[in-house]
Amino acid sequence: MKIISPCWKLTTGVRTEESFSRAARSDGLLWYKDLGRHAAGEFSMAVVQATNQLEDGSQIEAGPLCSDVRPNSPFGTFVGVYDGHGGPETARYITEHLFQDLKKVVSDEQEISADVIKNAFAATEEGFLSLVRKQWTIKPQLASVGSCCLMTSDHNASNESVRDELRLLHPHDSQIVVMKHKVWRVKGVIQVSRSIGDAYLKDAEFNRDPLLANLPKDLFVIFASDGLWEHLGNQEAAEIVHMYPRSGIARRLIKAAVKEAAKKREMRYSDLKKIDRGIRRHFHDDISVVVVYFDPIQMSKNSYLGPVLSLKGGVLP
């Protein structure tokens, strides 16, 4: 509160609202507004997309902090950054509702305090959980998405005190915090101990079918010759398949393996590609990869209506 309190003030004047989206620009996957004004100065904002759907949410709001503007009502600047995981839905929900929930609480209390902010977060969390319940039968995957809200580092599992707190609260769960990819994570999934959403981690009500049938939406098996496994481990290969689109995934795995082979010989991938067959064997073996995805719904059917398939792998002469 010491950090953000200078951004808040009481005023009797009504300020003309400014559209902060005005003059915002985009450059490919980059969106930005280089400079704008807020209630207490200026701001700069940018977003770059990496995932198939942008999972982050962010906003800056300036002006009245009450649903109804009254004399001496709080005015100020609200900034939110919401790191979505598992999908974009939670971060989008927070972007649309957290500031509005805050305004409702401020309207009642006519002040900004730690309790007011906590109550706004609680209202947004409950609102999203209500949405999960309403859409449970038609969109159960909503229970598996969540978002961290960047305000402090107090809830980060990288802090030993946070891990100790979690272990104390869950004495019978040895996997409550685990090290994964050199990062401490709650249940091996997220890096924070508190988030909005992630309902399936919080309540057994949502950790059941039909969600469980949808969680492993990328059930797959990697079939590959030893040439691949010589350079890629099981976990690394599985993560590549999990993270990237299905189209071209076998080629991506081979490229990752060949890149690793080049790295071992202290050469560039582009240079290794120029080496012809025969001599290439000194750098890596033949590599054949087939990645097979499974559709749980299709697997449950007793009939097959798919195409007749016959495809034999090999390099064209």
C-alpha atoms as a PDB file:
ATOM      1  CA  MET A   1       0.000   0.000   0.000  1.00  0.00           C
ATOM      2  CA  LYS A   2       2.953   2.362   0.597  1.00  0.00           C
ATOM      3  CA  ILE A   3       3.954   1.837  -3.021  1.00  0.00           C
ATOM      4  CA  ILE A   4       0.568   2.415  -4.612  1.00  0.00           C
ATOM      5  CA  SER A   5      -0.932   5.001  -2.257  1.00  0.00           C
ATOM      6  CA  PRO A   6       0.615   7.978  -4.135  1.00  0.00           C
ATOM      7  CA  CYS A   7      -1.511   6.968  -7.127  1.00  0.00           C
ATOM      8  CA  TRP A   8      -4.731   7.551  -5.164  1.00  0.00           C
ATOM      9  CA  LYS A   9      -6.240  10.802  -3.991  1.00  0.00           C
ATOM     10  CA  LEU A  10      -9.528  12.353  -2.949  1.00  0.00           C
ATOM     11  CA  THR A  11     -10.836  15.113  -5.152  1.00  0.00           C
ATOM     12  CA  THR A  12     -14.020  17.087  -5.626  1.00  0.00           C
ATOM     13  CA  GLY A  13     -13.320  17.725  -9.294  1.00  0.00           C
ATOM     14  CA  VAL A  14     -14.600  15.496 -12.073  1.00  0.00           C
ATOM     15  CA  ARG A  15     -11.931  14.735 -14.650  1.00  0.00           C
ATOM     16  CA  THR A  16     -12.706  14.248 -18.330  1.00  0.00           C
ATOM     17  CA  GLU A  17     -12.090  10.609 -19.247  1.00  0.00           C
ATOM     18  CA  GLU A  18      -9.378   9.892 -21.785  1.00  0.00           C
ATOM     19  CA  SER A  19      -9.489   6.907 -24.102  1.00  0.00           C
ATOM     20  CA  PHE A  20      -6.185   5.207 -23.450  1.00  0.00           C
ATOM     21  CA  SER A  21      -6.699   2.885 -26.379  1.00  0.00           C
ATOM     22  CA  ARG A  22      -6.508   5.871 -28.712  1.00  0.00           C
ATOM     23  CA  ALA A  23      -3.269   5.934 -30.712  1.00  0.00           C
ATOM     24  CA  ALA A  24      -2.321   2.417 -29.586  1.00  0.00           C
ATOM     25  CA  ARG A  25      -0.423   0.614 -32.329  1.00  0.00           C
ATOM     26  CA  SER A  26       0.511  -2.892 -33.352  1.00  0.00           C
ATOM     27  CA  ASP A  27       3.516  -4.388 -35.086  1.00  0.00           C
ATOM     28  CA  GLY A  28       2.975  -8.055 -35.846  1.00  0.00           C
ATOM     29  CA  LEU A  29       2.518  -9.785 -32.491  1.00  0.00           C
ATOM     30  CA  LEU A  30       3.462  -6.628 -30.607  1.00  0.00           C
ATOM     31  CA  TRP A  31       0.814  -4.185 -29.321  1.00  0.00           C
ATOM     32  CA  TYR A  32       1.906  -0.971 -27.678  1.00  0.00           C
ATOM     33  CA  LYS A  33       1.064   2.519 -26.538  1.00  0.00           C
ATOM     34  CA  ASP A  34       4.351   4.283 -26.101  1.00  0.00           C
ATOM     35  CA  LEU A  35       3.152   7.088 -23.883  1.00  0.00           C
ATOM     36  CA  GLY A  36      -0.095   8.223 -22.349  1.00  0.00           C
ATOM     37  CA  ARG A  37      -1.368  10.109 -19.314  1.00  0.00           C
ATOM     38  CA  HIS A  38      -3.024   8.753 -16.190  1.00  0.00           C
ATOM     39  CA  ALA A  39      -4.361  10.419 -13.059  1.00  0.00           C
ATOM     40  CA  ALA A  40      -0.935  11.086 -11.563  1.00  0.00           C
ATOM     41  CA  GLY A  41       1.445  11.268 -14.511  1.00  0.00           C
ATOM     42  CA  GLU A  42       2.289   9.258 -17.620  1.00  0.00           C
ATOM     43  CA  PHE A  43       2.453   5.598 -18.587  1.00  0.00           C
ATOM     44  CA  SER A  44       3.833   3.330 -21.294  1.00  0.00           C
ATOM     45  CA  MET A  45       2.265  -0.021 -22.112  1.00  0.00           C
ATOM     46  CA  ALA A  46       3.125  -2.923 -24.432  1.00  0.00           C
ATOM     47  CA  VAL A  47       2.063  -6.533 -24.997  1.00  0.00           C
ATOM     48  CA  VAL A  48       3.695  -9.191 -27.151  1.00  0.00           C
ATOM     49  CA  GLN A  49       1.958 -12.464 -27.922  1.00  0.00           C
ATOM     50  CA  ALA A  50       3.725 -15.835 -27.921  1.00  0.00           C
ATOM     51  CA  THR A  51       0.947 -18.383 -27.302  1.00  0.00           C
ATOM     52  CA  ASN A  52      -1.708 -19.441 -29.831  1.00  0.00           C
ATOM     53  CA  GLN A  53      -4.175 -17.339 -27.888  1.00  0.00           C
ATOM     54  CA  LEU A  54      -2.931 -14.422 -25.800  1.00  0.00           C
ATOM     55  CA  GLU A  55      -3.184 -15.709 -22.221  1.00  0.00           C
ATOM     56  CA  ASP A  56      -2.078 -12.513 -20.483  1.00  0.00           C
ATOM     57  CA  GLY A  57      -4.488  -9.783 -19.521  1.00  0.00           C
ATOM     58  CA  SER A  58      -3.568  -6.214 -18.617  1.00  0.00           C
ATOM     59  CA  GLN A  59      -5.259  -2.886 -18.104  1.00  0.00           C
ATOM     60  CA  ILE A  60      -4.778   0.650 -16.869  1.00  0.00           C
ATOM     61  CA  GLU A  61      -7.751   2.664 -15.692  1.00  0.00           C
ATOM     62  CA  ALA A  62      -7.841   6.241 -14.486  1.00  0.00           C
ATOM     63  CA  GLY A  63     -10.662   8.325 -13.110  1.00  0.00           C
ATOM     64  CA  PRO A  64     -13.396   7.810 -10.508  1.00  0.00           C
ATOM     65  CA  LEU A  65     -13.005   4.717  -8.378  1.00  0.00           C
ATOM     66  CA  CYS A  66     -16.664   4.540  -7.410  1.00  0.00           C
ATOM     67  CA  SER A  67     -19.600   3.190  -9.331  1.00  0.00           C
ATOM     68  CA  ASP A  68     -21.376   6.456  -8.502  1.00  0.00           C
ATOM     69  CA  VAL A  69     -19.351   9.663  -8.423  1.00  0.00           C
ATOM     70  CA  ARG A  70     -20.008  11.679  -5.303  1.00  0.00           C
ATOM     71  CA  PRO A  71     -18.228  14.677  -3.740  1.00  0.00           C
ATOM     72  CA  ASN A  72     -14.919  13.613  -2.160  1.00  0.00           C
ATOM     73  CA  SER A  73     -15.098  10.231  -3.892  1.00  0.00           C
ATOM     74  CA  PRO A  74     -11.724   8.539  -4.516  1.00  0.00           C
ATOM     75  CA  PHE A  75     -10.128   9.121  -7.896  1.00  0.00           C
ATOM     76  CA  GLY A  76      -6.932   7.508  -9.076  1.00  0.00           C
ATOM     77  CA  THR A  77      -5.107   5.085 -11.345  1.00  0.00           C
ATOM     78  CA  PHE A  78      -5.610   1.326 -11.406  1.00  0.00           C
ATOM     79  CA  VAL A  79      -3.042  -0.962 -13.060  1.00  0.00           C
ATOM     80  CA  GLY A  80      -3.501  -4.692 -13.478  1.00  0.00           C
ATOM     81  CA  VAL A  81      -1.312  -7.384 -15.048  1.00  0.00           C
ATOM     82  CA  TYR A  82      -2.823 -10.879 -15.138  1.00  0.00           C
ATOM     83  CA  ASP A  83      -0.569 -13.767 -16.076  1.00  0.00           C
ATOM     84  CA  GLY A  84      -2.933 -16.383 -17.458  1.00  0.00           C
ATOM     85  CA  HIS A  85      -2.156 -20.078 -17.518  1.00  0.00           C
ATOM     86  CA  GLY A  86      -4.003 -22.978 -19.087  1.00  0.00           C
ATOM     87  CA  GLY A  87      -5.918 -20.635 -21.371  1.00  0.00           C
ATOM     88  CA  PRO A  88      -7.002 -17.013 -21.748  1.00  0.00           C
ATOM     89  CA  GLU A  89     -10.415 -17.186 -20.076  1.00  0.00           C
ATOM     90  CA  THR A  90      -9.475 -16.281 -16.492  1.00  0.00           C
ATOM     91  CA  ALA A  91      -7.202 -13.398 -17.426  1.00  0.00           C
ATOM     92  CA  ARG A  92      -9.917 -12.015 -19.711  1.00  0.00           C
ATOM     93  CA  TYR A  93     -12.513 -12.367 -16.954  1.00  0.00           C
ATOM     94  CA  ILE A  94     -10.309 -10.510 -14.476  1.00  0.00           C
ATOM     95  CA  THR A  95      -9.659  -7.747 -16.995  1.00  0.00           C
ATOM     96  CA  GLU A  96     -13.401  -7.250 -17.370  1.00  0.00           C
ATOM     97  CA  HIS A  97     -14.412  -7.627 -13.714  1.00  0.00           C
ATOM     98  CA  LEU A  98     -11.692  -6.847 -11.143  1.00  0.00           C
ATOM     99  CA  PHE A  99     -11.714  -3.084 -11.603  1.00  0.00           C
ATOM    100  CA  GLN A 100     -15.516  -3.057 -11.625  1.00  0.00           C
ATOM    101  CA  ASP A 101     -15.573  -5.143  -8.435  1.00  0.00           C
ATOM    102  CA  LEU A 102     -13.098  -2.735  -6.871  1.00  0.00           C
ATOM    103  CA  LYS A 103     -15.316   0.217  -7.757  1.00  0.00           C
ATOM    104  CA  LYS A 104     -18.297  -1.461  -6.094  1.00  0.00           C
ATOM    105  CA  VAL A 105     -16.377  -2.016  -2.859  1.00  0.00           C
ATOM    106  CA  VAL A 106     -14.931   1.507  -2.907  1.00  0.00           C
ATOM    107  CA  SER A 107     -18.445   2.892  -3.405  1.00  0.00           C
ATOM    108  CA  ASP A 108     -19.453   1.245  -0.136  1.00  0.00           C
ATOM    109  CA  GLU A 109     -16.338   2.076   1.852  1.00  0.00           C
ATOM    110  CA  GLN A 110     -15.417   5.430   0.272  1.00  0.00           C
ATOM    111  CA  GLU A 111     -11.724   4.663   0.723  1.00  0.00           C
ATOM    112  CA  ILE A 112      -8.852   2.594  -0.582  1.00  0.00           C
ATOM    113  CA  SER A 113      -7.313   0.098   1.848  1.00  0.00           C
ATOM    114  CA  ALA A 114      -5.744  -3.350   1.902  1.00  0.00           C
ATOM    115  CA  ASP A 115      -9.079  -4.846   2.973  1.00  0.00           C
ATOM    116  CA  VAL A 116     -10.907  -3.099   0.133  1.00  0.00           C
ATOM    117  CA  ILE A 117      -8.489  -4.586  -2.415  1.00  0.00           C
ATOM    118  CA  LYS A 118      -8.738  -8.058  -0.812  1.00  0.00           C
ATOM    119  CA  ASN A 119     -12.527  -7.877  -0.939  1.00  0.00           C
ATOM    120  CA  ALA A 120     -12.418  -6.925  -4.621  1.00  0.00           C
ATOM    121  CA  PHE A 121     -10.164  -9.886  -5.387  1.00  0.00           C
ATOM    122  CA  ALA A 122     -12.502 -12.186  -3.431  1.00  0.00           C
ATOM    123  CA  ALA A 123     -15.512 -10.908  -5.391  1.00  0.00           C
ATOM    124  CA  THR A 124     -13.752 -11.518  -8.712  1.00  0.00           C
ATOM    125  CA  GLU A 125     -12.693 -15.002  -7.643  1.00  0.00           C
ATOM    126  CA  GLU A 126     -16.206 -15.915  -6.562  1.00  0.00           C
ATOM    127  CA  GLY A 127     -17.595 -14.503  -9.780  1.00  0.00           C
ATOM    128  CA  PHE A 128     -15.288 -16.648 -11.883  1.00  0.00           C
ATOM    129  CA  LEU A 129     -16.036 -19.774  -9.827  1.00  0.00           C
ATOM    130  CA  SER A 130     -19.757 -19.107 -10.358  1.00  0.00           C
ATOM    131  CA  LEU A 131     -19.062 -18.983 -14.094  1.00  0.00           C
ATOM    132  CA  VAL A 132     -17.218 -22.312 -13.857  1.00  0.00           C
ATOM    133  CA  ARG A 133     -20.212 -23.874 -12.100  1.00  0.00           C
ATOM    134  CA  LYS A 134     -22.711 -22.519 -14.626  1.00  0.00           C
ATOM    135  CA  GLN A 135     -20.732 -23.827 -17.599  1.00  0.00           C
ATOM    136  CA  TRP A 136     -19.509 -27.047 -15.968  1.00  0.00           C
ATOM    137  CA  THR A 137     -21.474 -29.398 -18.216  1.00  0.00           C
ATOM    138  CA  ILE A 138     -20.719 -27.580 -21.476  1.00  0.00           C
ATOM    139  CA  LYS A 139     -17.233 -26.173 -20.831  1.00  0.00           C
ATOM    140  CA  PRO A 140     -15.590 -28.072 -17.957  1.00  0.00           C
ATOM    141  CA  GLN A 141     -12.104 -26.960 -19.043  1.00  0.00           C
ATOM    142  CA  LEU A 142     -12.848 -23.574 -17.431  1.00  0.00           C
ATOM    143  CA  ALA A 143     -12.020 -25.300 -14.152  1.00  0.00           C
ATOM    144  CA  SER A 144      -8.464 -25.854 -15.327  1.00  0.00           C
ATOM    145  CA  VAL A 145      -7.548 -22.278 -16.276  1.00  0.00           C
ATOM    146  CA  GLY A 146      -6.350 -19.573 -13.917  1.00  0.00           C
ATOM    147  CA  SER A 147      -4.380 -16.384 -13.580  1.00  0.00           C
ATOM    148  CA  CYS A 148      -1.816 -14.858 -11.266  1.00  0.00           C
ATOM    149  CA  CYS A 149      -2.341 -11.183 -10.519  1.00  0.00           C
ATOM    150  CA  LEU A 150       0.998  -9.328 -10.256  1.00  0.00           C
ATOM    151  CA  MET A 151       0.934  -7.140  -7.213  1.00  0.00           C
ATOM    152  CA  THR A 152       3.541  -8.628  -4.873  1.00  0.00           C
ATOM    153  CA  SER A 153       5.912 -11.596  -4.636  1.00  0.00           C
ATOM    154  CA  ASP A 154       4.355 -12.785  -1.371  1.00  0.00           C
ATOM    155  CA  HIS A 155       2.662 -15.782  -2.967  1.00  0.00           C
ATOM    156  CA  ASN A 156       5.545 -16.970  -5.143  1.00  0.00           C
ATOM    157  CA  ALA A 157       6.514 -20.580  -4.452  1.00  0.00           C
ATOM    158  CA  SER A 158      10.158 -19.670  -5.084  1.00  0.00           C
ATOM    159  CA  ASN A 159      10.092 -18.122  -1.612  1.00  0.00           C
ATOM    160  CA  GLU A 160      10.930 -20.654   1.075  1.00  0.00           C
ATOM    161  CA  SER A 161       8.435 -19.098   3.501  1.00  0.00           C
ATOM    162  CA  VAL A 162       5.633 -19.667   0.991  1.00  0.00           C
ATOM    163  CA  ARG A 163       6.646 -23.308   0.515  1.00  0.00           C
ATOM    164  CA  ASP A 164       6.768 -23.789   4.283  1.00  0.00           C
ATOM    165  CA  GLU A 165       3.283 -22.285   4.599  1.00  0.00           C
ATOM    166  CA  LEU A 166       1.909 -24.608   1.923  1.00  0.00           C
ATOM    167  CA  ARG A 167       3.464 -27.684   3.528  1.00  0.00           C
ATOM    168  CA  LEU A 168       2.006 -26.654   6.864  1.00  0.00           C
ATOM    169  CA  LEU A 169      -1.455 -26.210   5.369  1.00  0.00           C
ATOM    170  CA  HIS A 170      -1.247 -29.538   3.485  1.00  0.00           C
ATOM    171  CA  PRO A 171       0.704 -31.921   5.756  1.00  0.00           C
ATOM    172  CA  HIS A 172      -0.597 -35.052   3.999  1.00  0.00           C
ATOM    173  CA  ASP A 173       0.303 -33.937   0.474  1.00  0.00           C
ATOM    174  CA  SER A 174       3.981 -34.559  -0.217  1.00  0.00           C
ATOM    175  CA  GLN A 175       3.565 -33.122  -3.721  1.00  0.00           C
ATOM    176  CA  ILE A 176       2.056 -29.783  -2.696  1.00  0.00           C
ATOM    177  CA  VAL A 177       5.236 -28.039  -3.885  1.00  0.00           C
ATOM    178  CA  VAL A 178       7.735 -29.694  -6.197  1.00  0.00           C
ATOM    179  CA  MET A 179      10.740 -28.555  -8.196  1.00  0.00           C
ATOM    180  CA  LYS A 180       9.990 -28.754 -11.927  1.00  0.00           C
ATOM    181  CA  HIS A 181      12.340 -27.447 -14.616  1.00  0.00           C
ATOM    182  CA  LYS A 182      14.445 -25.804 -11.892  1.00  0.00           C
ATOM    183  CA  VAL A 183      11.427 -23.815 -10.661  1.00  0.00           C
ATOM    184  CA  TRP A 184       9.327 -24.444  -7.543  1.00  0.00           C
ATOM    185  CA  ARG A 185       5.698 -25.018  -8.493  1.00  0.00           C
ATOM    186  CA  VAL A 186       2.473 -25.700  -6.605  1.00  0.00           C
ATOM    187  CA  LYS A 187       1.399 -29.264  -7.470  1.00  0.00           C
ATOM    188  CA  GLY A 188       3.986 -29.095 -10.254  1.00  0.00           C
ATOM    189  CA  VAL A 189       1.693 -26.751 -12.210  1.00  0.00           C
ATOM    190  CA  ILE A 190       1.818 -23.081 -11.195  1.00  0.00           C
ATOM    191  CA  GLN A 191       4.431 -20.923  -9.487  1.00  0.00           C
ATOM    192  CA  VAL A 192       2.096 -19.104  -7.132  1.00  0.00           C
ATOM    193  CA  SER A 193       0.253 -20.311  -4.070  1.00  0.00           C
ATOM    194  CA  ARG A 194      -2.734 -18.072  -4.701  1.00  0.00           C
ATOM    195  CA  SER A 195      -4.474 -17.353  -7.974  1.00  0.00           C
ATOM    196  CA  ILE A 196      -7.883 -16.616  -9.402  1.00  0.00           C
ATOM    197  CA  GLY A 197      -9.368 -19.652 -11.123  1.00  0.00           C
ATOM    198  CA  ASP A 198      -7.535 -23.011 -11.188  1.00  0.00           C
ATOM    199  CA  ALA A 199     -10.696 -24.395  -9.608  1.00  0.00           C
ATOM    200  CA  TYR A 200      -9.660 -28.020 -10.079  1.00  0.00           C
ATOM    201  CA  LEU A 201      -6.674 -27.442  -7.775  1.00  0.00           C
ATOM    202  CA  LYS A 202      -8.834 -25.856  -5.081  1.00  0.00           C
ATOM    203  CA  ASP A 203     -11.985 -27.943  -4.859  1.00  0.00           C
ATOM    204  CA  ALA A 204     -12.752 -31.606  -5.487  1.00  0.00           C
ATOM    205  CA  GLU A 205     -16.068 -30.393  -6.941  1.00  0.00           C
ATOM    206  CA  PHE A 206     -14.202 -29.572 -10.135  1.00  0.00           C
ATOM    207  CA  ASN A 207     -11.507 -32.259 -10.080  1.00  0.00           C
ATOM    208  CA  ARG A 208     -13.630 -34.961 -11.694  1.00  0.00           C
ATOM    209  CA  ASP A 209     -15.326 -35.913 -14.946  1.00  0.00           C
ATOM    210  CA  PRO A 210     -16.065 -34.395 -17.369  1.00  0.00           C
ATOM    211  CA  LEU A 211     -12.984 -32.233 -16.717  1.00  0.00           C
ATOM    212  CA  LEU A 212     -10.619 -35.184 -16.358  1.00  0.00           C
ATOM    213  CA  ALA A 213     -11.551 -36.348 -19.829  1.00  0.00           C
ATOM    214  CA  ASN A 214     -10.665 -32.915 -21.191  1.00  0.00           C
ATOM    215  CA  LEU A 215      -7.505 -32.164 -19.209  1.00  0.00           C
ATOM    216  CA  PRO A 216      -5.278 -34.532 -21.219  1.00  0.00           C
ATOM    217  CA  LYS A 217      -6.436 -33.019 -24.477  1.00  0.00           C
ATOM    218  CA  ASP A 218      -3.082 -33.905 -25.990  1.00  0.00           C
ATOM    219  CA  LEU A 219      -2.880 -37.613 -25.246  1.00  0.00           C
ATOM    220  CA  PHE A 220      -0.096 -38.790 -27.488  1.00  0.00           C
ATOM    221  CA  VAL A 221       2.648 -41.324 -28.046  1.00  0.00           C
ATOM    222  CA  ILE A 222       5.981 -40.548 -29.712  1.00  0.00           C
ATOM    223  CA  PHE A 223       7.315 -43.383 -31.839  1.00  0.00           C
ATOM    224  CA  ALA A 224      10.906 -42.721 -32.878  1.00  0.00           C
ATOM    225  CA  SER A 225      14.087 -44.501 -33.876  1.00  0.00           C
ATOM    226  CA  ASP A 226      17.131 -44.378 -31.628  1.00  0.00           C
ATOM    227  CA  GLY A 227      18.513 -41.452 -33.606  1.00  0.00           C
ATOM    228  CA  LEU A 228      16.033 -39.145 -31.893  1.00  0.00           C
ATOM    229  CA  TRP A 229      16.533 -40.441 -28.364  1.00  0.00           C
ATOM    230  CA  GLU A 230      20.300 -40.128 -28.764  1.00  0.00           C
ATOM    231  CA  HIS A 231      19.852 -36.366 -28.630  1.00  0.00           C
ATOM    232  CA  LEU A 232      16.505 -35.759 -26.890  1.00  0.00           C
ATOM    233  CA  GLY A 233      15.304 -37.071 -23.554  1.00  0.00           C
ATOM    234  CA  ASN A 234      11.767 -38.355 -22.959  1.00  0.00           C
ATOM    235  CA  GLN A 235      10.728 -35.276 -20.982  1.00  0.00           C
ATOM    236  CA  GLU A 236      12.154 -32.814 -23.488  1.00  0.00           C
ATOM    237  CA  ALA A 237      10.454 -34.541 -26.418  1.00  0.00           C
ATOM    238  CA  ALA A 238       7.134 -34.725 -24.573  1.00  0.00           C
ATOM    239  CA  GLU A 239       7.286 -31.025 -23.717  1.00  0.00           C
ATOM    240  CA  ILE A 240       7.885 -30.113 -27.351  1.00  0.00           C
ATOM    241  CA  VAL A 241       4.818 -32.101 -28.407  1.00  0.00           C
ATOM    242  CA  HIS A 242       2.764 -30.577 -25.606  1.00  0.00           C
ATOM    243  CA  MET A 243       3.790 -26.971 -26.271  1.00  0.00           C
ATOM    244  CA  TYR A 244       3.589 -26.721 -30.046  1.00  0.00           C
ATOM    245  CA  PRO A 245       0.808 -27.144 -32.633  1.00  0.00           C
ATOM    246  CA  ARG A 246       0.209 -30.633 -33.953  1.00  0.00           C
ATOM    247  CA  SER A 247       0.897 -29.712 -37.540  1.00  0.00           C
ATOM    248  CA  GLY A 248       4.577 -30.291 -38.250  1.00  0.00           C
ATOM    249  CA  ILE A 249       5.354 -31.639 -34.779  1.00  0.00           C
ATOM    250  CA  ALA A 250       7.328 -34.677 -36.030  1.00  0.00           C
ATOM    251  CA  ARG A 251       9.475 -32.381 -38.165  1.00  0.00           C
ATOM    252  CA  ARG A 252       9.955 -30.087 -35.167  1.00  0.00           C
ATOM    253  CA  LEU A 253      11.206 -33.000 -33.063  1.00  0.00           C
ATOM    254  CA  ILE A 254      13.717 -34.005 -35.735  1.00  0.00           C
ATOM    255  CA  LYS A 255      14.899 -30.416 -36.040  1.00  0.00           C
ATOM    256  CA  ALA A 256      15.398 -30.216 -32.264  1.00  0.00           C
ATOM    257  CA  ALA A 257      17.446 -33.417 -32.310  1.00  0.00           C
ATOM    258  CA  VAL A 258      19.596 -32.296 -35.264  1.00  0.00           C
ATOM    259  CA  LYS A 259      20.154 -28.920 -33.598  1.00  0.00           C
ATOM    260  CA  GLU A 260      21.381 -30.744 -30.514  1.00  0.00           C
ATOM    261  CA  ALA A 261      23.670 -32.892 -32.662  1.00  0.00           C
ATOM    262  CA  ALA A 262      25.132 -29.747 -34.245  1.00  0.00           C
ATOM    263  CA  LYS A 263      25.596 -28.183 -30.829  1.00  0.00           C
ATOM    264  CA  LYS A 264      27.579 -31.187 -29.637  1.00  0.00           C
ATOM    265  CA  ARG A 265      29.964 -30.681 -32.563  1.00  0.00           C
ATOM    266  CA  GLU A 266      30.122 -26.936 -31.901  1.00  0.00           C
ATOM    267  CA  MET A 267      28.640 -26.046 -35.249  1.00  0.00           C
ATOM    268  CA  ARG A 268      25.567 -24.242 -36.488  1.00  0.00           C
ATOM    269  CA  TYR A 269      22.399 -26.075 -37.459  1.00  0.00           C
ATOM    270  CA  SER A 270      22.406 -24.308 -40.823  1.00  0.00           C
ATOM    271  CA  ASP A 271      25.904 -25.645 -41.542  1.00  0.00           C
ATOM    272  CA  LEU A 272      25.004 -29.192 -40.537  1.00  0.00           C
ATOM    273  CA  LYS A 273      22.040 -29.110 -42.926  1.00  0.00           C
ATOM    274  CA  LYS A 274      24.463 -28.600 -45.818  1.00  0.00           C
ATOM    275  CA  ILE A 275      26.331 -31.848 -45.115  1.00  0.00           C
ATOM    276  CA  ASP A 276      25.234 -34.577 -47.513  1.00  0.00           C
ATOM    277  CA  ARG A 277      24.075 -38.114 -46.755  1.00  0.00           C
ATOM    278  CA  GLY A 278      26.833 -40.564 -45.862  1.00  0.00           C
ATOM    279  CA  ILE A 279      29.062 -37.938 -44.314  1.00  0.00           C
ATOM    280  CA  ARG A 280      26.072 -36.800 -42.270  1.00  0.00           C
ATOM    281  CA  ARG A 281      26.173 -40.154 -40.435  1.00  0.00           C
ATOM    282  CA  HIS A 282      29.246 -38.940 -38.572  1.00  0.00           C
ATOM    283  CA  PHE A 283      27.020 -36.371 -36.897  1.00  0.00           C
ATOM    284  CA  HIS A 284      23.761 -38.203 -36.315  1.00  0.00           C
ATOM    285  CA  ASP A 285      21.927 -41.401 -37.200  1.00  0.00           C
ATOM    286  CA  ASP A 286      18.835 -41.761 -39.363  1.00  0.00           C
ATOM    287  CA  ILE A 287      15.874 -40.388 -37.429  1.00  0.00           C
ATOM    288  CA  SER A 288      12.273 -41.459 -37.980  1.00  0.00           C
ATOM    289  CA  VAL A 289       9.446 -39.987 -35.916  1.00  0.00           C
ATOM    290  CA  VAL A 290       5.707 -40.601 -35.767  1.00  0.00           C
ATOM    291  CA  VAL A 291       3.601 -38.755 -33.201  1.00  0.00           C
ATOM    292  CA  VAL A 292       0.158 -40.247 -32.640  1.00  0.00           C
ATOM    293  CA  TYR A 293      -2.553 -38.229 -30.843  1.00  0.00           C
ATOM    294  CA  PHE A 294      -5.566 -39.892 -29.233  1.00  0.00           C
ATOM    295  CA  ASP A 295      -9.073 -38.488 -29.074  1.00  0.00           C
ATOM    296  CA  PRO A 296     -10.784 -39.850 -25.907  1.00  0.00           C
ATOM    297  CA  ILE A 297     -14.230 -39.428 -27.469  1.00  0.00           C
ATOM    298  CA  GLN A 298     -13.255 -41.214 -30.671  1.00  0.00           C
ATOM    299  CA  MET A 299     -11.596 -43.976 -28.657  1.00  0.00           C
ATOM    300  CA  SER A 300     -14.862 -44.631 -26.825  1.00  0.00           C
ATOM    301  CA  LYS A 301     -16.725 -45.339 -30.061  1.00  0.00           C
ATOM    302  CA  ASN A 302     -17.042 -48.855 -31.375  1.00  0.00           C
ATOM    303  CA  SER A 303     -17.072 -47.886 -35.039  1.00  0.00           C
ATOM    304  CA  TYR A 304     -14.464 -46.374 -37.354  1.00  0.00           C
ATOM    305  CA  LEU A 305     -15.485 -43.807 -39.929  1.00  0.00           C
ATOM    306  CA  GLY A 306     -12.059 -42.324 -40.613  1.00  0.00           C
ATOM    307  CA  PRO A 307     -10.013 -42.520 -43.801  1.00  0.00           C
ATOM    308  CA  VAL A 308      -8.157 -45.583 -45.036  1.00  0.00           C
ATOM    309  CA  LEU A 309      -4.523 -44.725 -44.418  1.00  0.00           C
ATOM    310  CA  SER A 310      -1.281 -46.038 -45.855  1.00  0.00           C
ATOM    311  CA  LEU A 311       1.840 -43.901 -45.593  1.00  0.00           C
ATOM    312  CA  LYS A 312       5.424 -45.143 -45.696  1.00  0.00           C
ATOM    313  CA  GLY A 313       8.235 -42.881 -44.557  1.00  0.00           C
ATOM    314  CA  GLY A 314      11.383 -42.216 -46.550  1.00  0.00           C
ATOM    315  CA  VAL A 315      13.430 -39.526 -48.245  1.00  0.00           C
ATOM    316  CA  LEU A 316      12.725 -38.915 -51.911  1.00  0.00           C
ATOM    317  CA  PRO A 317      15.709 -39.637 -54.200  1.00  0.00           C
END
